[in-house]
């Protein structure tokens, strides 16, 4: 019996994901990946200088590094990558499904960050850092229109990629509705909104919150806006009223922090 086309495509996608590898680079990103027991590590390329700086992490990982001449660095990185003499080939982390991270245990009521087509790896890396600082359960993007796990993202995240769940789902609106079914209050950031984040979370007690942010420029798509429980804004002092998406995520996470006792 011939398999349906959707089954064949799903199996092909799984095989592609299983064979996908990522080159992480930079001392911080490589060190944290070497020390992460969840990370499948394949190949480590370092200069003598970087090997000395990473000696403890290399020893703990059990890997045997390739020593490379810094003038002809052996890792296949993009030209201009600031690798600091260290690069590590790995497989992407698997943090599970949206349900897994949304229902995971943590300190205080759950907070999630959802990204609507935020494709810049530097922005996503910075958002992962903020999410870790403010205790968000996960950062969630979409599979086809969000930054994948890359060396540039990991370097900007400065180690947070190894600790902060980053999940990519097929359809953002479907994911938002699923979170609403689980009891999440879904708030979309929109500069034209009338309600502030603080007003939206006032009095909600320990209810979980998902913050949805759009790409710089386009912002949230109309379907995304329509799926939110409320559209909210960040209150600014004076006439200043614009932040890039990574800074907006940090401010929004702070504003939406739980005040429940």
Protein backbone atom coordinates (compact mmCIF):
# COMPACT_ATOMS: atom_id res chain seq x y z
CA UNK A 1 0.00 0.00 0.00
CA UNK A 2 1.40 3.37 -1.04
CA UNK A 3 2.04 5.86 1.75
CA UNK A 4 0.11 9.15 1.65
CA UNK A 5 2.11 12.14 0.48
CA UNK A 6 1.91 13.86 3.87
CA UNK A 7 3.39 10.79 5.58
CA UNK A 8 6.27 10.69 3.11
CA UNK A 9 6.97 14.40 3.62
CA UNK A 10 6.87 14.03 7.41
CA UNK A 11 9.32 11.12 7.30
CA UNK A 12 11.60 13.06 4.95
CA UNK A 13 11.54 16.00 7.36
CA UNK A 14 12.48 13.78 10.29
CA UNK A 15 15.41 12.31 8.36
CA UNK A 16 16.60 15.78 7.38
CA UNK A 17 16.37 16.98 10.99
CA UNK A 18 18.30 13.93 12.20
CA UNK A 19 21.15 14.66 9.76
CA UNK A 20 21.24 18.43 10.39
CA UNK A 21 24.28 19.83 12.17
CA UNK A 22 25.22 23.29 13.40
CA UNK A 23 28.63 24.88 13.88
CA UNK A 24 28.79 26.86 17.13
CA UNK A 25 31.67 29.29 17.51
CA UNK A 26 33.16 31.63 20.07
CA UNK A 27 34.58 30.76 23.48
CA UNK A 28 31.35 31.30 25.48
CA UNK A 29 29.07 29.38 23.10
CA UNK A 30 31.52 26.49 22.70
CA UNK A 31 32.24 26.23 26.43
CA UNK A 32 28.56 26.06 27.36
CA UNK A 33 27.85 23.48 24.65
CA UNK A 34 30.77 21.34 25.82
CA UNK A 35 29.35 21.38 29.35
CA UNK A 36 25.75 20.70 28.30
CA UNK A 37 24.88 16.99 28.76
CA UNK A 38 21.84 17.43 26.49
CA UNK A 39 24.01 18.46 23.55
CA UNK A 40 25.16 15.89 20.97
CA UNK A 41 28.68 16.99 20.01
CA UNK A 42 30.42 15.82 16.84
CA UNK A 43 33.63 17.73 16.10
CA UNK A 44 35.69 20.29 18.01
CA UNK A 45 38.17 22.56 16.22
CA UNK A 46 40.36 24.87 18.32
CA UNK A 47 43.57 26.82 18.17
CA UNK A 48 46.22 26.12 20.80
CA UNK A 49 45.29 29.33 22.57
CA UNK A 50 41.58 28.46 22.65
CA UNK A 51 42.37 24.90 23.78
CA UNK A 52 44.16 26.29 26.83
CA UNK A 53 41.22 28.57 27.67
CA UNK A 54 38.71 25.73 27.27
CA UNK A 55 40.83 23.00 28.88
CA UNK A 56 38.43 22.27 31.76
CA UNK A 57 35.35 22.11 29.51
CA UNK A 58 37.12 19.95 26.93
CA UNK A 59 38.23 17.54 29.66
CA UNK A 60 34.71 17.30 31.07
CA UNK A 61 33.19 16.72 27.62
CA UNK A 62 35.56 13.85 26.84
CA UNK A 63 36.13 15.17 23.32
CA UNK A 64 39.44 15.07 21.50
CA UNK A 65 39.91 18.43 19.79
CA UNK A 66 41.40 19.11 16.37
CA UNK A 67 44.17 21.68 16.71
CA UNK A 68 44.02 24.22 13.92
CA UNK A 69 46.27 27.01 12.68
CA UNK A 70 44.46 30.31 13.40
CA UNK A 71 45.49 31.61 9.97
CA UNK A 72 43.79 28.67 8.23
CA UNK A 73 41.05 27.77 10.67
CA UNK A 74 39.70 24.34 9.74
CA UNK A 75 36.03 24.74 10.73
CA UNK A 76 33.68 25.57 7.81
CA UNK A 77 32.45 28.91 9.14
CA UNK A 78 31.19 31.93 7.24
CA UNK A 79 33.83 34.49 6.47
CA UNK A 80 33.82 37.14 9.15
CA UNK A 81 32.63 34.82 11.95
CA UNK A 82 34.34 35.92 15.17
CA UNK A 83 35.21 32.41 16.33
CA UNK A 84 37.98 33.28 18.87
CA UNK A 85 39.75 30.09 17.84
CA UNK A 86 36.96 27.71 18.85
CA UNK A 87 34.25 25.96 16.84
CA UNK A 88 32.08 22.98 17.71
CA UNK A 89 29.89 20.95 15.36
CA UNK A 90 26.71 19.80 17.11
CA UNK A 91 23.20 18.58 16.46
CA UNK A 92 20.37 21.01 17.29
CA UNK A 93 18.83 20.66 20.75
CA UNK A 94 15.44 19.04 21.09
CA UNK A 95 13.37 20.75 23.78
CA UNK A 96 10.20 18.81 22.97
CA UNK A 97 6.81 20.15 21.96
CA UNK A 98 4.93 23.35 22.76
CA UNK A 99 2.91 21.41 25.32
CA UNK A 100 6.12 20.15 26.94
CA UNK A 101 7.53 23.62 27.57
CA UNK A 102 4.19 25.28 28.34
CA UNK A 103 3.44 22.75 31.07
CA UNK A 104 6.99 22.46 32.42
CA UNK A 105 7.74 23.15 36.05
CA UNK A 106 9.49 26.34 37.10
CA UNK A 107 9.66 29.10 39.65
CA UNK A 108 6.45 31.12 39.70
CA UNK A 109 3.65 31.29 37.13
CA UNK A 110 4.69 30.43 33.59
CA UNK A 111 5.78 33.05 31.08
CA UNK A 112 6.40 32.28 27.40
CA UNK A 113 7.73 34.46 24.57
CA UNK A 114 6.23 33.81 21.11
CA UNK A 115 7.89 35.29 18.02
CA UNK A 116 5.88 36.15 14.92
CA UNK A 117 8.36 35.86 12.04
CA UNK A 118 11.38 37.22 13.89
CA UNK A 119 14.15 35.99 11.59
CA UNK A 120 17.27 37.88 12.73
CA UNK A 121 19.46 35.41 14.70
CA UNK A 122 21.03 38.25 16.70
CA UNK A 123 17.61 39.40 17.90
CA UNK A 124 16.55 35.85 18.77
CA UNK A 125 19.83 35.24 20.59
CA UNK A 126 19.34 38.38 22.65
CA UNK A 127 15.73 37.39 23.39
CA UNK A 128 16.94 34.00 24.66
CA UNK A 129 19.27 35.80 27.07
CA UNK A 130 16.44 37.96 28.39
CA UNK A 131 14.11 34.96 28.63
CA UNK A 132 16.66 33.15 30.77
CA UNK A 133 17.21 36.19 33.01
CA UNK A 134 13.47 36.67 33.63
CA UNK A 135 12.67 32.96 34.01
CA UNK A 136 10.54 32.40 30.90
CA UNK A 137 9.69 28.76 30.29
CA UNK A 138 10.59 29.00 26.59
CA UNK A 139 10.95 31.12 23.49
CA UNK A 140 8.74 29.88 20.65
CA UNK A 141 9.09 30.64 16.94
CA UNK A 142 7.65 29.23 13.73
CA UNK A 143 9.45 26.62 11.67
CA UNK A 144 9.57 28.40 8.33
CA UNK A 145 9.83 32.05 9.32
CA UNK A 146 12.01 32.27 12.40
CA UNK A 147 15.74 32.10 13.03
CA UNK A 148 16.97 28.48 13.22
CA UNK A 149 19.64 27.41 15.66
CA UNK A 150 22.88 28.79 14.21
CA UNK A 151 26.34 29.78 15.35
CA UNK A 152 25.45 33.48 15.14
CA UNK A 153 22.35 32.96 17.28
CA UNK A 154 24.29 30.93 19.85
CA UNK A 155 27.09 33.51 20.05
CA UNK A 156 24.61 36.35 20.65
CA UNK A 157 22.80 34.24 23.24
CA UNK A 158 26.13 33.89 25.07
CA UNK A 159 25.35 30.44 26.45
CA UNK A 160 21.61 30.89 26.98
CA UNK A 161 20.87 28.63 23.99
CA UNK A 162 22.14 25.68 26.02
CA UNK A 163 19.81 26.38 28.94
CA UNK A 164 16.80 28.30 27.63
CA UNK A 165 14.30 26.20 25.66
CA UNK A 166 13.83 27.39 22.07
CA UNK A 167 10.97 25.63 20.31
CA UNK A 168 9.79 26.11 16.72
CA UNK A 169 6.23 25.15 15.80
CA UNK A 170 4.42 24.76 12.50
CA UNK A 171 1.68 27.39 12.91
CA UNK A 172 1.78 30.28 15.37
CA UNK A 173 -1.98 30.93 15.54
CA UNK A 174 -2.67 27.25 16.21
CA UNK A 175 -0.03 27.33 18.95
CA UNK A 176 -1.60 30.43 20.50
CA UNK A 177 -5.03 28.77 20.56
CA UNK A 178 -3.49 25.68 22.15
CA UNK A 179 -1.97 27.85 24.88
CA UNK A 180 -5.35 29.49 25.47
CA UNK A 181 -6.87 26.04 25.92
CA UNK A 182 -4.22 25.41 28.59
CA UNK A 183 -5.26 28.57 30.42
CA UNK A 184 -2.63 30.98 29.13
CA UNK A 185 -3.42 34.67 28.75
CA UNK A 186 -2.03 35.52 25.30
CA UNK A 187 -0.91 39.14 24.94
CA UNK A 188 0.29 40.63 21.65
CA UNK A 189 2.63 43.63 21.73
CA UNK A 190 1.38 46.42 19.50
CA UNK A 191 2.52 50.03 19.68
CA UNK A 192 -0.99 51.22 18.78
CA UNK A 193 -2.71 49.31 21.59
CA UNK A 194 -4.52 51.20 24.32
CA UNK A 195 -3.88 48.78 27.19
CA UNK A 196 -0.50 48.52 28.92
CA UNK A 197 1.10 45.19 29.79
CA UNK A 198 0.87 46.05 33.49
CA UNK A 199 -2.86 46.68 33.21
CA UNK A 200 -3.41 43.42 31.33
CA UNK A 201 -1.70 41.29 33.99
CA UNK A 202 -3.04 43.16 37.01
CA UNK A 203 -5.10 40.87 39.19
CA UNK A 204 -4.54 37.67 37.17
CA UNK A 205 -2.82 35.94 40.08
CA UNK A 206 -0.83 32.90 39.03
CA UNK A 207 -2.33 32.59 35.54
CA UNK A 208 0.32 31.80 32.89
CA UNK A 209 1.07 34.45 30.27
CA UNK A 210 2.34 34.24 26.69
CA UNK A 211 3.82 37.41 25.17
CA UNK A 212 3.71 37.61 21.37
CA UNK A 213 6.18 39.87 19.55
CA UNK A 214 6.44 40.63 15.85
CA UNK A 215 9.37 41.44 13.63
CA UNK A 216 10.68 44.98 13.56
CA UNK A 217 8.82 46.95 10.92
CA UNK A 218 5.91 44.65 10.04
CA UNK A 219 5.03 43.89 13.67
CA UNK A 220 2.34 41.31 14.35
CA UNK A 221 0.39 39.87 11.42
CA UNK A 222 -3.36 40.51 11.36
CA UNK A 223 -4.20 36.85 12.05
CA UNK A 224 -1.83 36.90 15.01
CA UNK A 225 -3.46 40.05 16.39
CA UNK A 226 -6.93 38.52 16.00
CA UNK A 227 -5.88 35.42 17.96
CA UNK A 228 -4.51 37.32 20.97
CA UNK A 229 -6.64 37.78 24.07
CA UNK A 230 -5.49 41.40 24.25
CA UNK A 231 -3.19 43.73 22.36
CA UNK A 232 -0.91 45.59 24.75
CA UNK A 233 1.78 48.24 24.67
CA UNK A 234 4.87 49.17 26.62
CA UNK A 235 4.39 52.48 28.40
CA UNK A 236 7.17 54.90 27.48
CA UNK A 237 8.23 58.06 29.24
CA UNK A 238 8.04 61.25 27.22
CA UNK A 239 7.88 61.11 23.45
CA UNK A 240 10.10 58.06 22.98
CA UNK A 241 8.05 55.12 21.80
CA UNK A 242 10.09 52.52 19.92
CA UNK A 243 12.37 49.63 20.88
CA UNK A 244 13.89 46.89 18.78
CA UNK A 245 12.27 43.49 19.29
CA UNK A 246 14.95 42.08 21.60
CA UNK A 247 14.79 45.10 23.93
CA UNK A 248 10.99 45.06 23.78
CA UNK A 249 11.01 41.40 24.83
CA UNK A 250 13.15 42.19 27.87
CA UNK A 251 10.93 45.09 28.95
CA UNK A 252 7.77 43.07 28.32
CA UNK A 253 9.02 40.13 30.39
CA UNK A 254 9.83 42.49 33.25
CA UNK A 255 6.44 44.19 32.99
CA UNK A 256 4.62 40.83 32.89
CA UNK A 257 6.51 39.33 35.82
CA UNK A 258 4.28 37.74 38.42
CA UNK A 259 3.38 39.83 41.44
CA UNK A 260 1.28 37.05 42.93
CA UNK A 261 2.31 36.19 46.44
